[in-house]
Amino acid sequence: MATTTAAAAAMAAPARTAARRSFFYVWMAAACAAVAIGGFLPTYWLQLPGRTFIGPPLLHIHGALFTAWTLLLLSQTLLAARGRLRHHRAWGLAGIALASAMVVVGIVTAIYSLKVELAAGHGDAARTFLIVPLTALALFAGFFVAAIVNLEHAETHKRLMLLATITLLQAAVGRVGFILATGGGPGRRPGLAPPPPMIVVNVSAMILLLFVVAGAVHDWRRSGRPSRVWLIGGAVIAVAVLLHGPIGHSAAWLAFADWTTRIAA
């Protein structure tokens, strides 16, 4: 009897450890949601009750969709960690629809912001900055599609979903920098001020690689080496960020930015 009990305990221990480890992605998703919502608190959420936020309904739709994504990711990781995979897959269909809407609305919002900044006289700085949201949306779409392709490979799928979400957090981190630089205030938000220098934008983006580092360290502690999803994904994000300046300041990009305002007229 004692031998049987000891054997059962030995078999249960790895299961308990795996269960604890599976919640790592829940905590990662919670951190993403905290950054996304917390970063927009002074320049959006706290302005809504006082009606000091300035902007068209498009910006509210944009905020609702992107906030919903982080909350859905948190819910999905929690369902997966608890083994409720049937519900996880069912809500995954909603995630596909939500992600599609986010890309479309995100592009429209980026072009709208460019037109506002051009009207305010920000010129080439505004045209250059367009590369930042469009790159984030492109990375999000790429990682998301890769995650869908890898639905049957859970370990790859969940890492790619987190990478997709990480690429969207740059705006929230940038808002923190905006508040530190300007002090904020009722009705103040980055879209109503000159675009920040690209070096500032890139620093905020690189900060997000700490999420990738956390994922790689977790893998290393768990299996002795980080997943190549983190390594490749982190490298892709870093290269995309470093190319912001060279591409964004090029004559071809400035012409492309002007073209987007004409097709969206």
Protein backbone atom coordinates (compact mmCIF):
# COMPACT_ATOMS: atom_id res chain seq x y z
CA MET A 1 0.00 0.00 0.00
CA ALA A 2 2.81 2.40 0.91
CA THR A 3 4.57 1.61 -2.36
CA THR A 4 1.39 2.28 -4.33
CA THR A 5 0.83 5.57 -2.51
CA ALA A 6 4.41 6.67 -3.14
CA ALA A 7 4.13 5.78 -6.83
CA ALA A 8 0.90 7.73 -7.16
CA ALA A 9 2.48 10.74 -5.48
CA ALA A 10 5.46 10.52 -7.81
CA MET A 11 3.17 10.47 -10.84
CA ALA A 12 1.08 13.35 -9.51
CA ALA A 13 4.07 15.61 -8.86
CA PRO A 14 4.94 16.19 -12.54
CA ALA A 15 1.27 16.83 -13.29
CA ARG A 16 1.13 19.49 -10.56
CA THR A 17 4.33 21.05 -11.86
CA ALA A 18 2.99 21.11 -15.42
CA ALA A 19 -0.20 22.74 -14.21
CA ARG A 20 1.78 25.45 -12.44
CA ARG A 21 3.91 26.02 -15.50
CA SER A 22 0.92 26.24 -17.79
CA PHE A 23 -0.24 29.33 -15.91
CA PHE A 24 2.91 31.16 -17.01
CA TYR A 25 1.07 32.16 -20.18
CA VAL A 26 -1.89 33.36 -18.14
CA TRP A 27 0.44 35.69 -16.24
CA MET A 28 2.06 36.83 -19.49
CA ALA A 29 -1.37 37.60 -20.95
CA ALA A 30 -2.35 39.43 -17.76
CA ALA A 31 0.83 41.52 -18.00
CA CYS A 32 0.02 42.39 -21.62
CA ALA A 33 -3.50 43.46 -20.63
CA ALA A 34 -2.14 45.52 -17.74
CA VAL A 35 0.30 47.35 -20.03
CA ALA A 36 -2.33 47.89 -22.72
CA ILE A 37 -4.99 49.27 -20.37
CA GLY A 38 -2.65 50.99 -17.91
CA GLY A 39 -0.72 52.77 -20.63
CA PHE A 40 -3.90 54.39 -21.93
CA LEU A 41 -5.32 55.33 -18.53
CA PRO A 42 -4.20 59.01 -18.43
CA THR A 43 -4.76 59.77 -22.13
CA TYR A 44 -7.97 57.85 -22.72
CA TRP A 45 -9.77 55.91 -20.01
CA LEU A 46 -9.56 58.56 -17.29
CA GLN A 47 -10.61 61.24 -19.77
CA LEU A 48 -13.86 59.52 -20.71
CA PRO A 49 -15.78 60.26 -17.47
CA GLY A 50 -14.92 63.98 -17.70
CA ARG A 51 -15.59 64.01 -21.46
CA THR A 52 -12.23 65.64 -22.09
CA PHE A 53 -11.10 63.11 -24.69
CA ILE A 54 -10.97 64.73 -28.13
CA GLY A 55 -11.52 62.51 -31.13
CA PRO A 56 -14.10 60.94 -33.47
CA PRO A 57 -15.99 57.66 -32.85
CA LEU A 58 -13.32 55.85 -34.89
CA LEU A 59 -10.88 56.22 -32.01
CA HIS A 60 -13.37 54.74 -29.55
CA ILE A 61 -13.97 51.78 -31.86
CA HIS A 62 -10.21 51.34 -32.18
CA GLY A 63 -9.77 51.44 -28.41
CA ALA A 64 -12.61 48.98 -27.81
CA LEU A 65 -11.30 46.44 -30.33
CA PHE A 66 -7.69 46.50 -29.16
CA THR A 67 -8.67 46.37 -25.49
CA ALA A 68 -11.01 43.47 -26.22
CA TRP A 69 -8.11 41.60 -27.79
CA THR A 70 -5.97 41.70 -24.65
CA LEU A 71 -8.92 40.60 -22.51
CA LEU A 72 -9.74 37.80 -24.93
CA LEU A 73 -6.14 36.62 -24.87
CA LEU A 74 -6.23 36.54 -21.07
CA SER A 75 -9.47 34.58 -21.14
CA GLN A 76 -8.11 32.17 -23.76
CA THR A 77 -4.90 31.43 -21.87
CA LEU A 78 -6.93 30.83 -18.72
CA LEU A 79 -9.26 28.41 -20.50
CA ALA A 80 -6.28 26.54 -21.97
CA ALA A 81 -4.51 26.38 -18.60
CA ARG A 82 -7.62 24.90 -17.00
CA GLY A 83 -7.96 22.32 -19.77
CA ARG A 84 -11.20 23.75 -21.15
CA LEU A 85 -10.02 23.35 -24.72
CA ARG A 86 -13.48 23.04 -26.29
CA HIS A 87 -14.41 26.50 -25.03
CA HIS A 88 -10.96 27.77 -25.97
CA ARG A 89 -11.44 26.67 -29.59
CA ALA A 90 -14.97 28.07 -29.75
CA TRP A 91 -13.82 31.50 -28.61
CA GLY A 92 -10.92 31.21 -31.03
CA LEU A 93 -13.36 31.77 -33.89
CA ALA A 94 -14.33 35.08 -32.31
CA GLY A 95 -10.63 35.86 -32.03
CA ILE A 96 -10.17 35.47 -35.77
CA ALA A 97 -13.02 37.90 -36.46
CA LEU A 98 -11.69 40.32 -33.85
CA ALA A 99 -8.14 40.23 -35.21
CA SER A 100 -9.40 40.88 -38.74
CA ALA A 101 -11.41 43.89 -37.57
CA MET A 102 -8.41 45.19 -35.61
CA VAL A 103 -6.16 45.21 -38.66
CA VAL A 104 -8.71 47.05 -40.81
CA VAL A 105 -9.63 49.59 -38.13
CA GLY A 106 -6.00 49.98 -37.13
CA ILE A 107 -4.98 50.92 -40.67
CA VAL A 108 -7.86 53.37 -41.02
CA THR A 109 -7.00 54.93 -37.65
CA ALA A 110 -3.32 55.29 -38.58
CA ILE A 111 -4.22 57.10 -41.79
CA TYR A 112 -6.73 59.30 -39.97
CA SER A 113 -4.05 60.26 -37.44
CA LEU A 114 -1.64 61.06 -40.26
CA LYS A 115 -4.19 63.39 -41.87
CA VAL A 116 -4.79 65.15 -38.55
CA GLU A 117 -1.06 65.64 -37.99
CA LEU A 118 -0.52 66.89 -41.56
CA ALA A 119 -3.33 69.40 -41.06
CA ALA A 120 -1.57 70.53 -37.88
CA GLY A 121 1.58 71.22 -39.88
CA HIS A 122 3.76 68.34 -38.69
CA GLY A 123 4.78 67.47 -42.24
CA ASP A 124 7.43 64.83 -42.84
CA ALA A 125 7.59 63.93 -39.15
CA ALA A 126 3.97 62.76 -39.39
CA ARG A 127 4.62 60.93 -42.67
CA THR A 128 7.61 59.16 -41.15
CA PHE A 129 5.70 58.18 -38.01
CA LEU A 130 3.09 56.33 -40.10
CA ILE A 131 5.56 53.46 -40.36
CA VAL A 132 5.24 52.77 -36.63
CA PRO A 133 1.55 51.74 -36.44
CA LEU A 134 1.62 50.07 -39.86
CA THR A 135 4.66 47.99 -38.89
CA ALA A 136 2.99 46.98 -35.62
CA LEU A 137 -0.15 45.92 -37.50
CA ALA A 138 1.88 43.99 -40.06
CA LEU A 139 3.77 42.14 -37.33
CA PHE A 140 0.53 41.44 -35.47
CA ALA A 141 -1.10 40.04 -38.60
CA GLY A 142 1.96 37.94 -39.45
CA PHE A 143 2.31 36.40 -36.01
CA PHE A 144 -1.45 35.86 -35.77
CA VAL A 145 -1.64 34.05 -39.12
CA ALA A 146 1.35 31.93 -38.12
CA ALA A 147 -0.43 31.07 -34.86
CA ILE A 148 -3.55 29.99 -36.75
CA VAL A 149 -1.45 27.83 -39.08
CA ASN A 150 0.00 26.15 -35.98
CA LEU A 151 -3.30 25.43 -34.24
CA GLU A 152 -2.38 21.78 -33.87
CA HIS A 153 0.97 22.64 -32.28
CA ALA A 154 -0.08 24.14 -28.95
CA GLU A 155 3.39 25.13 -27.75
CA THR A 156 4.10 27.09 -30.94
CA HIS A 157 0.55 28.47 -31.17
CA LYS A 158 0.49 30.06 -27.74
CA ARG A 159 3.92 31.65 -28.15
CA LEU A 160 2.94 33.15 -31.49
CA MET A 161 -0.28 34.55 -30.01
CA LEU A 162 1.74 36.27 -27.30
CA LEU A 163 4.19 37.63 -29.87
CA ALA A 164 1.27 39.03 -31.86
CA THR A 165 -0.03 40.79 -28.76
CA ILE A 166 3.39 42.11 -27.73
CA THR A 167 3.70 43.93 -31.06
CA LEU A 168 0.55 45.92 -30.24
CA LEU A 169 1.79 47.23 -26.89
CA GLN A 170 4.16 49.86 -28.25
CA ALA A 171 1.42 52.52 -28.32
CA ALA A 172 0.65 51.91 -24.65
CA VAL A 173 4.32 52.13 -23.66
CA GLY A 174 4.67 55.25 -25.78
CA ARG A 175 1.78 56.86 -23.91
CA VAL A 176 3.71 56.44 -20.67
CA GLY A 177 6.63 58.29 -22.24
CA PHE A 178 4.25 61.01 -23.44
CA ILE A 179 2.93 61.57 -19.92
CA LEU A 180 6.44 61.66 -18.46
CA ALA A 181 7.54 64.19 -21.09
CA THR A 182 4.50 66.48 -21.06
CA GLY A 183 2.76 65.91 -17.74
CA GLY A 184 -0.47 65.06 -19.53
CA GLY A 185 -3.67 66.82 -18.60
CA PRO A 186 -7.33 66.88 -19.68
CA GLY A 187 -7.68 66.29 -23.40
CA ARG A 188 -3.93 65.70 -23.90
CA ARG A 189 -2.85 62.74 -26.02
CA PRO A 190 -0.01 61.98 -28.45
CA GLY A 191 -2.22 62.29 -31.54
CA LEU A 192 -2.69 66.00 -30.86
CA ALA A 193 1.03 66.71 -30.46
CA PRO A 194 4.00 66.48 -32.85
CA PRO A 195 5.18 62.88 -33.37
CA PRO A 196 8.08 61.91 -31.08
CA PRO A 197 11.59 61.40 -32.50
CA MET A 198 12.13 57.94 -33.95
CA ILE A 199 14.79 57.16 -31.34
CA VAL A 200 12.18 57.60 -28.60
CA VAL A 201 9.74 55.39 -30.49
CA ASN A 202 12.35 52.68 -30.95
CA VAL A 203 13.32 52.68 -27.27
CA SER A 204 9.69 52.10 -26.24
CA ALA A 205 9.47 49.26 -28.77
CA MET A 206 12.66 47.63 -27.54
CA ILE A 207 11.35 47.70 -23.97
CA LEU A 208 8.67 45.27 -25.12
CA LEU A 209 11.35 42.72 -25.95
CA LEU A 210 11.49 42.12 -22.19
CA PHE A 211 8.33 40.06 -22.70
CA VAL A 212 10.20 37.95 -25.25
CA VAL A 213 13.12 37.59 -22.87
CA ALA A 214 10.72 36.45 -20.12
CA GLY A 215 9.33 33.77 -22.43
CA ALA A 216 12.79 32.60 -23.44
CA VAL A 217 13.97 32.43 -19.82
CA HIS A 218 10.87 30.45 -18.87
CA ASP A 219 11.62 27.93 -21.62
CA TRP A 220 15.27 27.74 -20.61
CA ARG A 221 14.36 26.99 -16.99
CA ARG A 222 11.78 24.45 -18.10
CA SER A 223 13.61 22.54 -20.83
CA GLY A 224 17.17 23.82 -20.86
CA ARG A 225 16.83 25.94 -23.99
CA PRO A 226 14.53 28.71 -25.27
CA SER A 227 12.02 27.96 -27.98
CA ARG A 228 13.07 29.11 -31.43
CA VAL A 229 9.70 30.87 -31.65
CA TRP A 230 10.93 33.40 -29.09
CA LEU A 231 14.33 33.71 -30.74
CA ILE A 232 13.04 34.18 -34.27
CA GLY A 233 10.06 36.28 -33.21
CA GLY A 234 12.21 38.55 -31.06
CA ALA A 235 14.70 38.98 -33.90
CA VAL A 236 11.92 39.84 -36.35
CA ILE A 237 10.52 42.49 -33.98
CA ALA A 238 13.98 43.98 -33.33
CA VAL A 239 14.85 44.19 -37.03
CA ALA A 240 11.47 45.75 -37.85
CA VAL A 241 11.98 48.38 -35.16
CA LEU A 242 15.52 49.20 -36.29
CA LEU A 243 14.24 49.71 -39.84
CA HIS A 244 11.69 52.30 -38.72
CA GLY A 245 14.11 55.17 -39.22
CA PRO A 246 15.87 54.19 -42.48
CA ILE A 247 12.60 53.31 -44.23
CA GLY A 248 10.41 55.95 -42.60
CA HIS A 249 12.70 58.80 -43.66
CA SER A 250 13.10 57.58 -47.24
CA ALA A 251 11.55 59.48 -50.14
CA ALA A 252 9.63 56.37 -51.17
CA TRP A 253 7.98 56.08 -47.76
CA LEU A 254 7.08 59.78 -47.62
CA ALA A 255 5.43 59.43 -51.04
CA PHE A 256 3.61 56.30 -49.86
CA ALA A 257 2.33 58.15 -46.80
CA ASP A 258 0.89 60.89 -49.02
CA TRP A 259 -0.69 58.23 -51.21
CA THR A 260 -2.51 56.67 -48.23
CA THR A 261 -4.13 60.00 -47.41
CA ARG A 262 -5.43 60.30 -50.97
CA ILE A 263 -6.95 56.81 -51.14
CA ALA A 264 -8.60 57.36 -47.74
CA ALA A 265 -10.02 60.74 -48.69
